[in-house]
Amino acid sequence: MRTLALLTLTLYPLCAQFKSTVPLVIAPTTVTDVKGRFIAGLTASRLMLYDDNVPQTIQVDTVIDPISLVVLVEANSSSEAVIDKLRGSGILFSDLLAAEAGETAVVSFSYDATVVQNFTADSSRVSHALKSLRVQGDSCALLDGVMEALRLLATRDPARRRIILVIAERRDRSSKVHLPTLLQDNQLQNTAIYWLTYSTFLTPFTSRPKKVWDRMTDEQKQDPDRRQPGRIKYPWPEEEEPLPPAMAPGSLFNVFTELSHKADVDAANLLSRTTGGRTFSFLKQSGLEDAIHAVADEVHRQYILSFQPKLDTPGLFHTIRAEVRDRPELQVRTRAGYWRIR
């Protein structure tokens, strides 16, 4: 316990350190009441933003820039049940979350990170990418996946809003990238990270047993060799055979794996909180879809605050906080801060 506390204290000062090479600081900000309801209609005269406790002159954008969204999915044996739940969610990511003029990319990770679908505005391509996801071993290179998502976002127009939606367990197990290196990456500064997480032990109990048909790709289902009267796009008897599970739900392996990582750094909490995002937990298909809706609601109801920071000594870290004037009961969340590097 003492070791975990020391590690947390060591890493927390780093977790908010985003480097800034541009004079304008942008801070997406969420305002809710005590019941979690979004507060609309606030103006720059009501919103307060502090840079190292010094109030700033801010601009509140009324025109929201289009979104570049990366959906980052864990694709290992621990997440097989979640991959099954994601297969029909493509339209939610592209049409609901990325929304009008938005674009979506899909990245998966296990022992390394793979771009499954580059940025597209076509929801059918996003859906196809999610349906094509397959289990790729037992590793969990979570931080490598986040770094790959940041690399993709670095190729987009700087004017676009940048969001990473991670669907994974909370902790890294096998990345080559180290957490301090990731936290100091310049691309993290203007990127909001949201996290949909789950129990690798409990989630398999919520999925029905899979058949050969369930694991076939769309291309395999439409193979000309399968063309027989009444059989096109329908499973043959042998394709309705149940597949042996890669690991029985609730097996001791999953129990011990989950318990052994409880002492590791909670990457979901660190990265979501310090970039101004949030973490949601889900168990069933309905919970996953509710979480995606919740992220979309928040992203499209945020205030986009910006201000011109004063020039100072390179290398200094600036903390950011926001509040609503004369409304201390409101909950206000924004990014943690930025780093000046020149």
Foldseek 3Di string as FASTA:
>chain_A
DVVLVVVCVVCQVLLQAAADPDQKAKKWKFWAFPVRHGDDDDAQVFKWKDKQNHTFRKHWDPDAAQAEEEEEEEAALLCPLVLLLCLPCLCLVQCQFSNPPGWYWYWYDFLAIDTQGATDNDSVSSSLSSLLGHHDYHAFQPLRRVVVLLVSVVPDDPSHQAEYEYEEAFFHDHHPDDPSVSSHDNSLRRYAYEYEYEQSQQQVVQDDFDFQLSSDHPCVLQPPVQDDVPRRSHDDPNRRHTDDRPDDRNDVVSVVVVVVCPSGDRNNVSRNQQQQHYYHYDRYSVSVSVVSNVRSVRVVSIIIMMGRDDDDDAFDWIFMDMDTPPCVSMDMTIHGTYGYHD
